[in-house]
C-alpha atoms as a PDB file:
ATOM      1  CA  MET A   1      18.596 -15.110  96.355  1.00  0.00           C
ATOM      2  CA  ILE A   2      18.049 -18.722  97.343  1.00  0.00           C
ATOM      3  CA  GLY A   3      14.767 -19.869  95.793  1.00  0.00           C
ATOM      4  CA  THR A   4      14.907 -17.214  93.061  1.00  0.00           C
ATOM      5  CA  ARG A   5      14.042 -18.375  89.566  1.00  0.00           C
ATOM      6  CA  ILE A   6      16.390 -17.397  86.752  1.00  0.00           C
ATOM      7  CA  GLY A   7      15.021 -18.582  83.447  1.00  0.00           C
ATOM      8  CA  VAL A   8      14.325 -22.309  83.713  1.00  0.00           C
ATOM      9  CA  TYR A   9      16.501 -22.680  86.818  1.00  0.00           C
ATOM     10  CA  ARG A  10      15.833 -22.237  90.532  1.00  0.00           C
ATOM     11  CA  LEU A  11      18.713 -21.257  92.821  1.00  0.00           C
ATOM     12  CA  VAL A  12      19.055 -23.855  95.581  1.00  0.00           C
ATOM     13  CA  ARG A  13      22.214 -22.868  97.454  1.00  0.00           C
ATOM     14  CA  GLU A  14      25.143 -20.509  97.340  1.00  0.00           C
ATOM     15  CA  LEU A  15      28.411 -22.125  96.351  1.00  0.00           C
ATOM     16  CA  GLY A  16      30.657 -19.170  97.060  1.00  0.00           C
ATOM     17  CA  ARG A  17      31.407 -15.561  96.254  1.00  0.00           C
ATOM     18  CA  GLY A  18      34.382 -13.553  95.171  1.00  0.00           C
ATOM     19  CA  GLY A  19      35.230  -9.952  94.486  1.00  0.00           C
ATOM     20  CA  MET A  20      33.102  -9.849  91.345  1.00  0.00           C
ATOM     21  CA  GLY A  21      30.445 -12.547  91.409  1.00  0.00           C
ATOM     22  CA  VAL A  22      28.325 -14.959  93.382  1.00  0.00           C
ATOM     23  CA  VAL A  23      27.835 -18.530  92.204  1.00  0.00           C
ATOM     24  CA  TYR A  24      24.795 -20.646  93.031  1.00  0.00           C
ATOM     25  CA  ALA A  25      23.877 -24.272  92.467  1.00  0.00           C
ATOM     26  CA  ALA A  26      20.611 -24.376  90.539  1.00  0.00           C
ATOM     27  CA  ASP A  27      18.048 -27.009  89.569  1.00  0.00           C
ATOM     28  CA  HIS A  28      16.474 -27.119  86.125  1.00  0.00           C
ATOM     29  CA  ASP A  29      12.693 -27.224  85.767  1.00  0.00           C
ATOM     30  CA  ASP A  30      12.908 -30.715  84.280  1.00  0.00           C
ATOM     31  CA  GLY A  31      14.135 -32.003  87.651  1.00  0.00           C
ATOM     32  CA  GLU A  32      17.003 -33.850  86.000  1.00  0.00           C
ATOM     33  CA  ARG A  33      19.679 -31.253  85.458  1.00  0.00           C
ATOM     34  CA  ARG A  34      21.769 -29.053  87.705  1.00  0.00           C
ATOM     35  CA  ALA A  35      24.003 -26.162  86.832  1.00  0.00           C
ATOM     36  CA  ALA A  36      26.067 -23.393  88.359  1.00  0.00           C
ATOM     37  CA  ILE A  37      24.738 -19.864  87.876  1.00  0.00           C
ATOM     38  CA  LYS A  38      27.127 -16.980  88.282  1.00  0.00           C
ATOM     39  CA  VAL A  39      25.661 -13.532  88.945  1.00  0.00           C
ATOM     40  CA  ILE A  40      27.516 -10.241  89.207  1.00  0.00           C
ATOM     41  CA  GLN A  41      27.501  -8.785  92.703  1.00  0.00           C
ATOM     42  CA  PRO A  42      24.529  -6.344  92.785  1.00  0.00           C
ATOM     43  CA  SER A  43      26.778  -3.502  93.947  1.00  0.00           C
ATOM     44  CA  LEU A  44      28.951  -3.917  90.831  1.00  0.00           C
ATOM     45  CA  THR A  45      26.288  -4.094  88.125  1.00  0.00           C
ATOM     46  CA  LEU A  46      26.902  -0.474  87.104  1.00  0.00           C
ATOM     47  CA  ARG A  47      30.683  -0.891  86.953  1.00  0.00           C
ATOM     48  CA  ARG A  48      31.522  -1.037  83.281  1.00  0.00           C
ATOM     49  CA  ASP A  49      34.920  -2.656  83.900  1.00  0.00           C
ATOM     50  CA  VAL A  50      33.342  -5.439  85.954  1.00  0.00           C
ATOM     51  CA  VAL A  51      30.606  -6.068  83.395  1.00  0.00           C
ATOM     52  CA  ALA A  52      33.287  -6.141  80.680  1.00  0.00           C
ATOM     53  CA  ARG A  53      35.259  -8.791  82.583  1.00  0.00           C
ATOM     54  CA  PHE A  54      32.090 -10.801  83.107  1.00  0.00           C
ATOM     55  CA  VAL A  55      31.300 -10.632  79.396  1.00  0.00           C
ATOM     56  CA  ASN A  56      34.924 -11.485  78.626  1.00  0.00           C
ATOM     57  CA  GLU A  57      34.678 -14.713  80.600  1.00  0.00           C
ATOM     58  CA  ALA A  58      31.591 -15.883  78.718  1.00  0.00           C
ATOM     59  CA  ARG A  59      32.966 -14.829  75.375  1.00  0.00           C
ATOM     60  CA  ALA A  60      36.261 -16.660  75.923  1.00  0.00           C
ATOM     61  CA  ALA A  61      34.551 -19.849  77.103  1.00  0.00           C
ATOM     62  CA  ALA A  62      32.223 -19.807  74.102  1.00  0.00           C
ATOM     63  CA  ALA A  63      35.118 -19.401  71.672  1.00  0.00           C
ATOM     64  CA  ILE A  64      37.088 -22.477  72.805  1.00  0.00           C
ATOM     65  CA  GLU A  65      35.900 -25.949  71.841  1.00  0.00           C
ATOM     66  CA  ASP A  66      37.789 -28.219  74.220  1.00  0.00           C
ATOM     67  CA  PRO A  67      36.835 -30.646  77.013  1.00  0.00           C
ATOM     68  CA  GLY A  68      39.263 -28.822  79.289  1.00  0.00           C
ATOM     69  CA  ILE A  69      37.075 -25.677  79.280  1.00  0.00           C
ATOM     70  CA  VAL A  70      34.103 -25.190  81.601  1.00  0.00           C
ATOM     71  CA  GLN A  71      31.008 -25.062  79.420  1.00  0.00           C
ATOM     72  CA  VAL A  72      28.766 -22.001  79.370  1.00  0.00           C
ATOM     73  CA  PHE A  73      25.208 -23.053  78.573  1.00  0.00           C
ATOM     74  CA  ASP A  74      23.429 -19.724  78.680  1.00  0.00           C
ATOM     75  CA  VAL A  75      24.001 -16.016  79.199  1.00  0.00           C
ATOM     76  CA  GLY A  76      21.344 -13.525  80.149  1.00  0.00           C
ATOM     77  CA  GLU A  77      20.130 -10.766  82.449  1.00  0.00           C
ATOM     78  CA  HIS A  78      17.848 -11.084  85.470  1.00  0.00           C
ATOM     79  CA  GLU A  79      16.384  -7.934  87.008  1.00  0.00           C
ATOM     80  CA  GLY A  80      19.286  -5.879  85.706  1.00  0.00           C
ATOM     81  CA  HIS A  81      21.987  -8.361  86.759  1.00  0.00           C
ATOM     82  CA  PRO A  82      23.964 -10.240  84.060  1.00  0.00           C
ATOM     83  CA  TYR A  83      24.400 -13.967  84.702  1.00  0.00           C
ATOM     84  CA  LEU A  84      26.061 -17.069  83.240  1.00  0.00           C
ATOM     85  CA  VAL A  85      24.741 -20.638  83.389  1.00  0.00           C
ATOM     86  CA  MET A  86      27.642 -23.106  83.533  1.00  0.00           C
ATOM     87  CA  GLU A  87      28.294 -26.775  84.117  1.00  0.00           C
ATOM     88  CA  LEU A  88      28.576 -27.723  87.787  1.00  0.00           C
ATOM     89  CA  LEU A  89      31.874 -29.483  88.440  1.00  0.00           C
ATOM     90  CA  ALA A  90      32.518 -32.051  91.159  1.00  0.00           C
ATOM     91  CA  GLY A  91      36.142 -32.380  92.184  1.00  0.00           C
ATOM     92  CA  GLU A  92      38.860 -30.104  93.518  1.00  0.00           C
ATOM     93  CA  THR A  93      41.273 -27.444  92.367  1.00  0.00           C
ATOM     94  CA  VAL A  94      44.969 -28.133  91.965  1.00  0.00           C
ATOM     95  CA  GLU A  95      45.435 -25.767  94.917  1.00  0.00           C
ATOM     96  CA  ALA A  96      43.151 -27.915  97.080  1.00  0.00           C
ATOM     97  CA  ARG A  97      44.985 -31.045  95.908  1.00  0.00           C
ATOM     98  CA  LEU A  98      48.338 -29.588  96.911  1.00  0.00           C
ATOM     99  CA  ARG A  99      47.038 -28.581 100.309  1.00  0.00           C
ATOM    100  CA  ARG A 100      45.552 -32.035 100.789  1.00  0.00           C
ATOM    101  CA  VAL A 101      48.461 -34.239  99.700  1.00  0.00           C
ATOM    102  CA  GLY A 102      51.497 -31.978  99.343  1.00  0.00           C
ATOM    103  CA  PRO A 103      53.823 -32.117  96.297  1.00  0.00           C
ATOM    104  CA  LEU A 104      52.589 -34.364  93.512  1.00  0.00           C
ATOM    105  CA  ALA A 105      54.411 -37.337  92.041  1.00  0.00           C
ATOM    106  CA  VAL A 106      56.396 -36.304  88.983  1.00  0.00           C
ATOM    107  CA  ARG A 107      54.159 -38.218  86.555  1.00  0.00           C
ATOM    108  CA  ASP A 108      50.991 -36.771  88.083  1.00  0.00           C
ATOM    109  CA  ALA A 109      52.336 -33.223  87.842  1.00  0.00           C
ATOM    110  CA  LEU A 110      53.450 -33.757  84.234  1.00  0.00           C
ATOM    111  CA  ARG A 111      50.147 -35.414  83.287  1.00  0.00           C
ATOM    112  CA  ILE A 112      48.110 -32.499  84.645  1.00  0.00           C
ATOM    113  CA  THR A 113      50.396 -29.965  82.976  1.00  0.00           C
ATOM    114  CA  ARG A 114      50.152 -31.825  79.654  1.00  0.00           C
ATOM    115  CA  GLN A 115      46.353 -31.598  79.727  1.00  0.00           C
ATOM    116  CA  ILE A 116      46.483 -27.888  80.524  1.00  0.00           C
ATOM    117  CA  ALA A 117      48.923 -27.275  77.675  1.00  0.00           C
ATOM    118  CA  SER A 118      46.579 -29.056  75.260  1.00  0.00           C
ATOM    119  CA  THR A 119      43.601 -26.944  76.338  1.00  0.00           C
ATOM    120  CA  LEU A 120      45.599 -23.723  76.154  1.00  0.00           C
ATOM    121  CA  ALA A 121      46.825 -24.647  72.688  1.00  0.00           C
ATOM    122  CA  ARG A 122      43.152 -24.604  71.627  1.00  0.00           C
ATOM    123  CA  ALA A 123      42.635 -21.254  73.350  1.00  0.00           C
ATOM    124  CA  HIS A 124      45.704 -19.739  71.708  1.00  0.00           C
ATOM    125  CA  ALA A 125      44.603 -21.055  68.318  1.00  0.00           C
ATOM    126  CA  VAL A 126      41.517 -18.838  68.512  1.00  0.00           C
ATOM    127  CA  GLY A 127      43.476 -15.850  69.801  1.00  0.00           C
ATOM    128  CA  ILE A 128      42.843 -16.142  73.546  1.00  0.00           C
ATOM    129  CA  VAL A 129      45.566 -15.734  76.190  1.00  0.00           C
ATOM    130  CA  HIS A 130      44.406 -16.685  79.688  1.00  0.00           C
ATOM    131  CA  ARG A 131      46.740 -14.361  81.683  1.00  0.00           C
ATOM    132  CA  ASP A 132      45.745 -15.715  85.106  1.00  0.00           C
ATOM    133  CA  LEU A 133      46.829 -19.349  85.291  1.00  0.00           C
ATOM    134  CA  LYS A 134      47.275 -20.541  88.880  1.00  0.00           C
ATOM    135  CA  PRO A 135      46.411 -23.663  90.929  1.00  0.00           C
ATOM    136  CA  ASP A 136      43.120 -22.095  92.042  1.00  0.00           C
ATOM    137  CA  ASN A 137      42.028 -21.771  88.398  1.00  0.00           C
ATOM    138  CA  LEU A 138      42.765 -25.390  87.494  1.00  0.00           C
ATOM    139  CA  PHE A 139      40.074 -27.882  88.466  1.00  0.00           C
ATOM    140  CA  LEU A 140      40.391 -31.683  88.594  1.00  0.00           C
ATOM    141  CA  ILE A 141      37.359 -33.854  87.883  1.00  0.00           C
ATOM    142  CA  ARG A 142      37.023 -37.624  87.547  1.00  0.00           C
ATOM    143  CA  ASP A 143      37.040 -38.852  83.964  1.00  0.00           C
ATOM    144  CA  ASP A 144      37.796 -42.495  83.218  1.00  0.00           C
ATOM    145  CA  GLU A 145      38.312 -41.692  79.536  1.00  0.00           C
ATOM    146  CA  VAL A 146      41.649 -39.928  80.075  1.00  0.00           C
ATOM    147  CA  ALA A 147      45.027 -40.983  81.444  1.00  0.00           C
ATOM    148  CA  GLY A 148      45.112 -41.012  85.218  1.00  0.00           C
ATOM    149  CA  GLY A 149      41.326 -41.149  85.472  1.00  0.00           C
ATOM    150  CA  GLU A 150      40.856 -37.417  85.832  1.00  0.00           C
ATOM    151  CA  ARG A 151      40.602 -34.388  83.600  1.00  0.00           C
ATOM    152  CA  THR A 152      41.861 -30.893  84.239  1.00  0.00           C
ATOM    153  CA  LYS A 153      39.516 -27.974  83.533  1.00  0.00           C
ATOM    154  CA  VAL A 154      40.956 -24.502  82.970  1.00  0.00           C
ATOM    155  CA  LEU A 155      38.768 -21.953  84.760  1.00  0.00           C
ATOM    156  CA  ASP A 156      38.242 -18.230  85.003  1.00  0.00           C
ATOM    157  CA  PHE A 157      38.855 -16.469  81.711  1.00  0.00           C
ATOM    158  CA  GLY A 158      37.709 -13.183  83.260  1.00  0.00           C
ATOM    159  CA  ILE A 159      40.926 -11.348  82.419  1.00  0.00           C
ATOM    160  CA  ALA A 160      41.739 -13.291  79.269  1.00  0.00           C
ATOM    161  CA  LYS A 161      43.025 -11.289  76.343  1.00  0.00           C
ATOM    162  CA  LEU A 162      41.112 -11.988  73.136  1.00  0.00           C
ATOM    163  CA  MET A 163      43.521 -11.333  70.311  1.00  0.00           C
ATOM    164  CA  ALA A 164      41.532 -12.619  67.345  1.00  0.00           C
ATOM    165  CA  PRO A 165      40.816  -9.968  64.695  1.00  0.00           C
ATOM    166  CA  GLY A 166      37.869  -7.866  65.780  1.00  0.00           C
ATOM    167  CA  ALA A 167      37.647  -9.640  69.147  1.00  0.00           C
ATOM    168  CA  ASP A 168      39.923  -7.572  71.349  1.00  0.00           C
ATOM    169  CA  VAL A 169      37.939  -6.941  74.527  1.00  0.00           C
ATOM    170  CA  MET A 170      40.845  -6.219  76.836  1.00  0.00           C
ATOM    171  CA  VAL A 171      39.748  -4.454  79.990  1.00  0.00           C
ATOM    172  CA  THR A 172      43.202  -3.255  80.968  1.00  0.00           C
ATOM    173  CA  GLY A 173      44.906  -0.171  79.649  1.00  0.00           C
ATOM    174  CA  PRO A 174      48.606   0.393  78.928  1.00  0.00           C
ATOM    175  CA  GLY A 175      50.751  -0.085  82.021  1.00  0.00           C
ATOM    176  CA  GLU A 176      47.982  -1.751  84.027  1.00  0.00           C
ATOM    177  CA  ARG A 177      48.647  -5.144  85.621  1.00  0.00           C
ATOM    178  CA  LEU A 178      46.025  -7.840  85.961  1.00  0.00           C
ATOM    179  CA  GLY A 179      46.805 -11.306  87.217  1.00  0.00           C
ATOM    180  CA  THR A 180      48.085 -13.106  90.288  1.00  0.00           C
ATOM    181  CA  PRO A 181      51.600 -11.900  91.236  1.00  0.00           C
ATOM    182  CA  MET A 182      52.808 -15.377  92.220  1.00  0.00           C
ATOM    183  CA  TYR A 183      52.336 -16.603  88.622  1.00  0.00           C
ATOM    184  CA  MET A 184      52.763 -13.481  86.495  1.00  0.00           C
ATOM    185  CA  SER A 185      55.346 -13.379  83.722  1.00  0.00           C
ATOM    186  CA  PRO A 186      58.008 -10.658  83.762  1.00  0.00           C
ATOM    187  CA  GLU A 187      56.363  -8.828  80.853  1.00  0.00           C
ATOM    188  CA  GLN A 188      53.019  -8.999  82.650  1.00  0.00           C
ATOM    189  CA  CYS A 189      54.673  -7.597  85.781  1.00  0.00           C
ATOM    190  CA  ARG A 190      55.931  -4.672  83.720  1.00  0.00           C
ATOM    191  CA  GLY A 191      52.444  -3.983  82.371  1.00  0.00           C
ATOM    192  CA  GLU A 192      53.533  -4.695  78.809  1.00  0.00           C
ATOM    193  CA  THR A 193      51.431  -6.173  76.038  1.00  0.00           C
ATOM    194  CA  VAL A 194      51.521  -9.950  76.425  1.00  0.00           C
ATOM    195  CA  ASP A 195      51.123 -12.886  74.061  1.00  0.00           C
ATOM    196  CA  LEU A 196      50.690 -16.635  74.482  1.00  0.00           C
ATOM    197  CA  ARG A 197      54.168 -16.970  76.010  1.00  0.00           C
ATOM    198  CA  THR A 198      52.929 -15.325  79.203  1.00  0.00           C
ATOM    199  CA  ASP A 199      50.771 -18.450  79.683  1.00  0.00           C
ATOM    200  CA  VAL A 200      53.854 -20.624  79.079  1.00  0.00           C
ATOM    201  CA  TYR A 201      55.613 -18.840  81.950  1.00  0.00           C
ATOM    202  CA  ALA A 202      52.639 -19.131  84.282  1.00  0.00           C
ATOM    203  CA  LEU A 203      52.214 -22.826  83.485  1.00  0.00           C
ATOM    204  CA  GLY A 204      55.891 -23.348  84.296  1.00  0.00           C
ATOM    205  CA  ALA A 205      55.327 -21.690  87.668  1.00  0.00           C
ATOM    206  CA  VAL A 206      52.318 -23.938  88.285  1.00  0.00           C
ATOM    207  CA  LEU A 207      54.344 -27.051  87.385  1.00  0.00           C
ATOM    208  CA  PHE A 208      57.110 -25.894  89.738  1.00  0.00           C
ATOM    209  CA  ARG A 209      54.534 -25.626  92.533  1.00  0.00           C
ATOM    210  CA  MET A 210      53.095 -29.076  91.823  1.00  0.00           C
ATOM    211  CA  LEU A 211      56.532 -30.700  91.832  1.00  0.00           C
ATOM    212  CA  THR A 212      57.915 -28.993  94.926  1.00  0.00           C
ATOM    213  CA  GLY A 213      54.864 -27.958  96.930  1.00  0.00           C
ATOM    214  CA  ARG A 214      56.403 -24.494  97.125  1.00  0.00           C
ATOM    215  CA  ALA A 215      55.874 -21.229  95.306  1.00  0.00           C
ATOM    216  CA  LEU A 216      58.369 -20.228  92.647  1.00  0.00           C
ATOM    217  CA  PHE A 217      59.605 -17.344  94.803  1.00  0.00           C
ATOM    218  CA  ASP A 218      59.334 -17.245  98.586  1.00  0.00           C
ATOM    219  CA  LYS A 219      57.911 -13.728  98.851  1.00  0.00           C
ATOM    220  CA  ARG A 220      54.737 -12.544 100.540  1.00  0.00           C
ATOM    221  CA  ASN A 221      54.634  -8.953  99.402  1.00  0.00           C
ATOM    222  CA  PRO A 222      53.265  -8.527  95.845  1.00  0.00           C
ATOM    223  CA  ALA A 223      55.877  -5.880  95.084  1.00  0.00           C
ATOM    224  CA  ASP A 224      58.664  -8.258  96.131  1.00  0.00           C
ATOM    225  CA  LEU A 225      57.157 -10.967  93.947  1.00  0.00           C
ATOM    226  CA  ILE A 226      57.164  -8.671  90.945  1.00  0.00           C
ATOM    227  CA  VAL A 227      60.822  -7.807  91.522  1.00  0.00           C
ATOM    228  CA  ALA A 228      61.637 -11.519  91.836  1.00  0.00           C
ATOM    229  CA  HIS A 229      59.941 -12.342  88.530  1.00  0.00           C
ATOM    230  CA  LEU A 230      61.935  -9.560  86.894  1.00  0.00           C
ATOM    231  CA  ARG A 231      65.350 -10.215  88.444  1.00  0.00           C
ATOM    232  CA  GLU A 232      65.709 -13.507  90.345  1.00  0.00           C
ATOM    233  CA  SER A 233      66.589 -16.805  88.747  1.00  0.00           C
ATOM    234  CA  PRO A 234      64.371 -19.723  89.792  1.00  0.00           C
ATOM    235  CA  VAL A 235      65.974 -22.768  91.370  1.00  0.00           C
ATOM    236  CA  ARG A 236      65.749 -26.163  89.719  1.00  0.00           C
ATOM    237  CA  PRO A 237      62.749 -28.115  91.067  1.00  0.00           C
ATOM    238  CA  SER A 238      65.074 -31.033  91.854  1.00  0.00           C
ATOM    239  CA  ALA A 239      66.945 -28.815  94.315  1.00  0.00           C
ATOM    240  CA  LEU A 240      63.787 -28.912  96.449  1.00  0.00           C
ATOM    241  CA  ALA A 241      62.406 -32.285  95.331  1.00  0.00           C
ATOM    242  CA  PRO A 242      65.266 -34.706  94.544  1.00  0.00           C
ATOM    243  CA  ALA A 243      62.944 -37.176  92.786  1.00  0.00           C
ATOM    244  CA  VAL A 244      62.445 -34.711  89.927  1.00  0.00           C
ATOM    245  CA  PRO A 245      64.539 -35.860  86.925  1.00  0.00           C
ATOM    246  CA  ALA A 246      66.786 -33.559  84.935  1.00  0.00           C
ATOM    247  CA  SER A 247      64.469 -33.739  81.914  1.00  0.00           C
ATOM    248  CA  THR A 248      61.623 -32.284  83.973  1.00  0.00           C
ATOM    249  CA  ASP A 249      63.915 -29.625  85.439  1.00  0.00           C
ATOM    250  CA  ALA A 250      64.768 -28.564  81.898  1.00  0.00           C
ATOM    251  CA  VAL A 251      61.106 -28.188  80.914  1.00  0.00           C
ATOM    252  CA  VAL A 252      60.308 -26.043  83.946  1.00  0.00           C
ATOM    253  CA  LEU A 253      63.326 -23.791  83.569  1.00  0.00           C
ATOM    254  CA  ARG A 254      62.689 -23.147  79.879  1.00  0.00           C
ATOM    255  CA  CYS A 255      59.105 -22.146  80.642  1.00  0.00           C
ATOM    256  CA  LEU A 256      60.448 -19.721  83.243  1.00  0.00           C
ATOM    257  CA  GLU A 257      62.934 -17.876  81.054  1.00  0.00           C
ATOM    258  CA  LYS A 258      62.728 -14.115  81.661  1.00  0.00           C
ATOM    259  CA  ASP A 259      62.971 -13.417  77.933  1.00  0.00           C
ATOM    260  CA  PRO A 260      59.826 -14.660  76.141  1.00  0.00           C
ATOM    261  CA  GLU A 261      61.946 -15.451  73.082  1.00  0.00           C
ATOM    262  CA  LEU A 262      63.754 -18.159  75.068  1.00  0.00           C
ATOM    263  CA  ARG A 263      60.595 -19.923  76.259  1.00  0.00           C
ATOM    264  CA  TYR A 264      58.666 -22.553  74.346  1.00  0.00           C
ATOM    265  CA  PRO A 265      57.138 -20.641  71.419  1.00  0.00           C
ATOM    266  CA  SER A 266      53.825 -22.473  71.641  1.00  0.00           C
ATOM    267  CA  MET A 267      51.806 -24.790  73.861  1.00  0.00           C
ATOM    268  CA  ALA A 268      52.134 -27.430  71.146  1.00  0.00           C
ATOM    269  CA  GLU A 269      55.916 -27.404  71.473  1.00  0.00           C
ATOM    270  CA  LEU A 270      55.654 -27.395  75.266  1.00  0.00           C
ATOM    271  CA  GLY A 271      53.292 -30.360  74.963  1.00  0.00           C
ATOM    272  CA  ARG A 272      55.893 -32.316  73.015  1.00  0.00           C
ATOM    273  CA  ALA A 273      58.517 -31.547  75.668  1.00  0.00           C
ATOM    274  CA  LEU A 274      56.111 -32.728  78.370  1.00  0.00           C
ATOM    275  CA  ASP A 275      55.482 -35.964  76.448  1.00  0.00           C
ATOM    276  CA  ASP A 276      59.214 -36.572  76.347  1.00  0.00           C
ATOM    277  CA  ALA A 277      59.540 -35.791  80.062  1.00  0.00           C
ATOM    278  CA  LEU A 278      56.715 -38.238  80.809  1.00  0.00           C
ATOM    279  CA  GLU A 279      58.552 -40.981  78.922  1.00  0.00           C
ATOM    280  CA  ARG A 280      61.734 -40.264  80.859  1.00  0.00           C
ATOM    281  CA  ALA A 281      59.860 -40.229  84.182  1.00  0.00           C
ATOM    282  CA  GLY A 282      59.456 -44.010  84.030  1.00  0.00           C
ATOM    283  CA  PRO A 283      56.404 -46.288  83.895  1.00  0.00           C
ATOM    284  CA  PRO A 284      53.168 -45.070  85.474  1.00  0.00           C
ATOM    285  CA  ARG A 285      52.323 -46.217  88.989  1.00  0.00           C
ATOM    286  CA  PRO A 286      48.887 -46.403  90.604  1.00  0.00           C
ATOM    287  CA  SER A 287      47.903 -43.001  91.975  1.00  0.00           C
ATOM    288  CA  SER A 288      46.242 -42.613  95.346  1.00  0.00           C
ATOM    289  CA  MET A 289      45.086 -39.101  94.535  1.00  0.00           C
ATOM    290  CA  GLN A 290      41.677 -39.610  92.975  1.00  0.00           C
ATOM    291  CA  THR A 291      39.582 -36.490  93.049  1.00  0.00           C
ATOM    292  CA  PRO A 292      36.968 -36.547  95.799  1.00  0.00           C
ATOM    293  CA  ARG A 293      33.381 -36.843  94.563  1.00  0.00           C
ATOM    294  CA  LEU A 294      32.068 -33.718  96.184  1.00  0.00           C
ATOM    295  CA  ASP A 295      31.296 -30.160  95.302  1.00  0.00           C
ATOM    296  CA  ALA A 296      34.820 -28.937  95.852  1.00  0.00           C
ATOM    297  CA  ALA A 297      33.856 -26.025  93.633  1.00  0.00           C
ATOM    298  CA  LEU A 298      31.994 -24.833  96.660  1.00  0.00           C
ATOM    299  CA  ASN A 299      35.121 -23.935  98.549  1.00  0.00           C
ATOM    300  CA  PRO A 300      35.115 -20.115  98.814  1.00  0.00           C
ATOM    301  CA  SER A 301      38.910 -20.172  98.536  1.00  0.00           C
ATOM    302  CA  LEU A 302      38.400 -20.888  94.835  1.00  0.00           C
ATOM    303  CA  LEU A 303      36.951 -17.471  94.288  1.00  0.00           C
ATOM    304  CA  GLY A 304      39.064 -14.838  92.718  1.00  0.00           C
ATOM    305  CA  ASP A 305      37.509 -11.858  91.042  1.00  0.00           C
ATOM    306  CA  THR A 306      35.776 -14.350  88.787  1.00  0.00           C
ATOM    307  CA  LEU A 307      34.613 -17.511  90.453  1.00  0.00           C
ATOM    308  CA  PRO A 308      35.218 -20.932  88.894  1.00  0.00           C
ATOM    309  CA  ALA A 309      32.104 -22.952  88.587  1.00  0.00           C
ATOM    310  CA  GLY A 310      30.879 -25.560  86.502  1.00  0.00           C
ATOM    311  CA  GLY A 311      28.972 -29.870  87.378  1.00  0.00           C
ATOM    312  CA  ASP A 312      27.654 -32.040  84.958  1.00  0.00           C
ATOM    313  CA  PRO A 313      24.287 -31.220  83.427  1.00  0.00           C
ATOM    314  CA  THR A 314      25.465 -32.775  80.176  1.00  0.00           C
ATOM    315  CA  ARG A 315      25.226 -36.307  81.586  1.00  0.00           C
ATOM    316  CA  ALA A 316      21.524 -36.096  82.375  1.00  0.00           C
ATOM    317  CA  PRO A 317      18.913 -37.235  79.818  1.00  0.00           C
ATOM    318  CA  GLY A 318      17.962 -34.506  77.381  1.00  0.00           C
ATOM    319  CA  ALA A 319      20.789 -32.232  78.504  1.00  0.00           C
ATOM    320  CA  ARG A 320      21.334 -29.166  76.354  1.00  0.00           C
ATOM    321  CA  ARG A 321      24.210 -29.047  73.963  1.00  0.00           C
ATOM    322  CA  ARG A 322      26.817 -26.399  74.545  1.00  0.00           C
ATOM    323  CA  LEU A 323      25.558 -22.985  73.508  1.00  0.00           C
ATOM    324  CA  GLY A 324      26.911 -22.014  70.092  1.00  0.00           C
ATOM    325  CA  GLY A 325      29.510 -19.276  70.057  1.00  0.00           C
ATOM    326  CA  ALA A 326      27.466 -16.979  67.816  1.00  0.00           C
ATOM    327  CA  LEU A 327      24.415 -17.217  70.085  1.00  0.00           C
ATOM    328  CA  VAL A 328      26.531 -16.538  73.174  1.00  0.00           C
ATOM    329  CA  ILE A 329      28.027 -13.465  71.547  1.00  0.00           C
ATOM    330  CA  ALA A 330      24.580 -12.206  70.561  1.00  0.00           C
ATOM    331  CA  VAL A 331      23.192 -12.609  74.078  1.00  0.00           C
ATOM    332  CA  ILE A 332      26.314 -11.087  75.602  1.00  0.00           C
ATOM    333  CA  ALA A 333      25.881  -8.030  73.387  1.00  0.00           C
ATOM    334  CA  ALA A 334      22.374  -7.582  74.782  1.00  0.00           C
ATOM    335  CA  VAL A 335      23.627  -7.993  78.374  1.00  0.00           C
ATOM    336  CA  THR A 336      26.356  -5.439  77.785  1.00  0.00           C
ATOM    337  CA  ALA A 337      23.895  -2.968  76.253  1.00  0.00           C
ATOM    338  CA  VAL A 338      21.619  -3.250  79.304  1.00  0.00           C
ATOM    339  CA  ALA A 339      24.516  -2.703  81.712  1.00  0.00           C
ATOM    340  CA  VAL A 340      25.872   0.274  79.776  1.00  0.00           C
ATOM    341  CA  ALA A 341      22.411   1.830  79.571  1.00  0.00           C
ATOM    342  CA  LEU A 342      22.014   1.472  83.330  1.00  0.00           C
ATOM    343  CA  ALA A 343      25.430   2.979  83.915  1.00  0.00           C
ATOM    344  CA  ARG A 344      24.649   5.989  81.712  1.00  0.00           C
ATOM    345  CA  GLY A 345      21.323   6.476  83.429  1.00  0.00           C
ATOM    346  CA  CYS A 346      23.065   6.724  86.799  1.00  0.00           C
ATOM    347  CA  GLY A 347      25.914   8.835  85.520  1.00  0.00           C
END
């Protein structure tokens, strides 16, 4: 599809592909802006569940007003294939960071986690639970306006659960599991209905990984991972990384409680605990882990069933403002109608 025109954009190169979509870098007709365009794999256009997840991602992104969310600028359909136009991010995922430098300094790990908690608090406030937090879905970009000189973007809301009244577009049915086993909460592993506390658990597992460089449970088989989440107690991060203070251990272990009632009840409360842990971690020191200025979003390892994408068309002169939520929903409805009509025609 390189060279194809989609609306006012021309696809210039493929950034990567996953199980559900392909993402391309695209140039705007004005010659000043670039974006990432995500298109459903042609073979999946008639799959209603895939189209629903695609629509879910756009709908969730449009509903959350927060700098930690990848912006969706446009939604449409090109020759029968739904697409999203998103900001094109330059940086790296938390997963790439960990592979590049190993375990993070305690303050860096807490700082990143604090930003994620703030963004998720906004998502939860509008009834959205992410349900697939993991290092591959957390993207670090340079931003001199925030502490540490970088901002964390939460990616891939493809399996998010929209819980706001009238906005439930869950794709899963009772007993079905969607997520990444390494970071799934016990209730998610059981296929139960989940709430915002499943994100608290997953974020605790991500923080554990950042502090220790290791997964929460040393299992390779997904079934073994699920059993571990249900039955095994996690070790204290300091048992693997002695520099981790007791206050940080306590935050991680409360996030990872098997019983949701024992976890932090909200991202706001978790945020306050992280602030306290940051104070106890000592004064900040210069970090040598600045995000590389390259299209790290291009790494195919980023791609799950929904590929993270995003860059910075908003910095260019005359850049479009973020698409309003109501307009996104209206366009998404049209995209969904086209896909359903195609599916029925082939049924």
